[in-house]
């Protein structure tokens, strides 16, 4: 399953992202910095560089995924 995850490099989000990847899902993580994007890449996850306010990027990235998830902060 393709899953779009916001806060994918945060404290909780990174745990959720790793667990999803371990169970065979493709994770697309929204991240605000190039450094965080590189962390996702090292974990064999896709990154979407931007914020929740970048609606155009979200319109492009989200439809390619089967499920959207935003961990609670």
Protein backbone atom coordinates (compact mmCIF):
# COMPACT_ATOMS: atom_id res chain seq x y z
CA UNK A 1 0.00 0.00 0.00
CA UNK A 2 1.21 3.54 -0.76
CA UNK A 3 0.85 5.73 2.32
CA UNK A 4 1.29 9.50 2.50
CA UNK A 5 2.48 10.50 5.97
CA UNK A 6 2.86 14.01 7.31
CA UNK A 7 5.44 14.69 10.02
CA UNK A 8 7.28 11.61 8.80
CA UNK A 9 10.58 12.68 10.33
CA UNK A 10 9.19 13.88 13.66
CA UNK A 11 9.45 11.95 16.91
CA UNK A 12 6.23 9.95 16.50
CA UNK A 13 5.99 10.14 12.72
CA UNK A 14 9.42 8.58 12.23
CA UNK A 15 8.40 5.59 14.36
CA UNK A 16 5.16 5.21 12.40
CA UNK A 17 7.01 5.57 9.08
CA UNK A 18 9.59 2.91 9.99
CA UNK A 19 6.89 0.49 11.15
CA UNK A 20 4.89 1.00 7.97
CA UNK A 21 8.00 0.38 5.87
CA UNK A 22 8.87 -2.74 7.89
CA UNK A 23 5.43 -4.18 7.18
CA UNK A 24 5.85 -3.72 3.43
CA UNK A 25 4.20 -0.39 2.72
CA UNK A 26 5.60 2.33 0.46
CA UNK A 27 5.88 5.49 2.53
CA UNK A 28 5.73 8.98 1.08
CA UNK A 29 6.71 11.45 3.78
CA UNK A 30 5.99 15.16 3.80
CA UNK A 31 9.07 16.94 5.07
CA UNK A 32 10.11 20.58 5.33
CA UNK A 33 13.86 20.31 4.80
CA UNK A 34 16.32 18.72 2.43
CA UNK A 35 18.12 17.16 5.42
CA UNK A 36 14.91 15.40 6.49
CA UNK A 37 14.28 14.32 2.91
CA UNK A 38 17.72 12.68 2.92
CA UNK A 39 16.83 10.82 6.15
CA UNK A 40 13.76 9.38 4.45
CA UNK A 41 15.78 8.45 1.38
CA UNK A 42 18.27 6.59 3.59
CA UNK A 43 15.34 4.59 4.95
CA UNK A 44 14.19 3.82 1.38
CA UNK A 45 11.16 6.09 1.65
CA UNK A 46 9.98 8.76 -0.75
CA UNK A 47 9.94 12.38 0.35
CA UNK A 48 7.69 15.25 -0.60
CA UNK A 49 9.48 18.48 0.23
CA UNK A 50 7.02 21.07 1.51
CA UNK A 51 4.51 21.93 4.21
CA UNK A 52 0.81 21.43 4.77
CA UNK A 53 0.32 24.89 3.30
CA UNK A 54 1.83 23.81 -0.06
CA UNK A 55 -1.53 22.79 -1.47
CA UNK A 56 -0.30 22.29 -5.03
CA UNK A 57 2.35 19.80 -3.90
CA UNK A 58 -0.22 17.99 -1.77
CA UNK A 59 -2.64 17.79 -4.70
CA UNK A 60 0.08 16.07 -6.72
CA UNK A 61 1.46 13.74 -4.03
CA UNK A 62 -1.62 12.63 -2.13
CA UNK A 63 -3.67 11.07 -4.96
CA UNK A 64 -0.86 8.61 -5.74
CA UNK A 65 -1.29 7.11 -2.26
CA UNK A 66 -3.87 4.70 -0.93
CA UNK A 67 -4.07 6.17 2.56
CA UNK A 68 -3.32 9.47 4.26
CA UNK A 69 -2.16 9.54 7.87
CA UNK A 70 -1.18 12.38 10.16
CA UNK A 71 0.25 11.22 13.52
CA UNK A 72 -0.94 13.14 16.56
CA UNK A 73 1.67 15.45 18.02
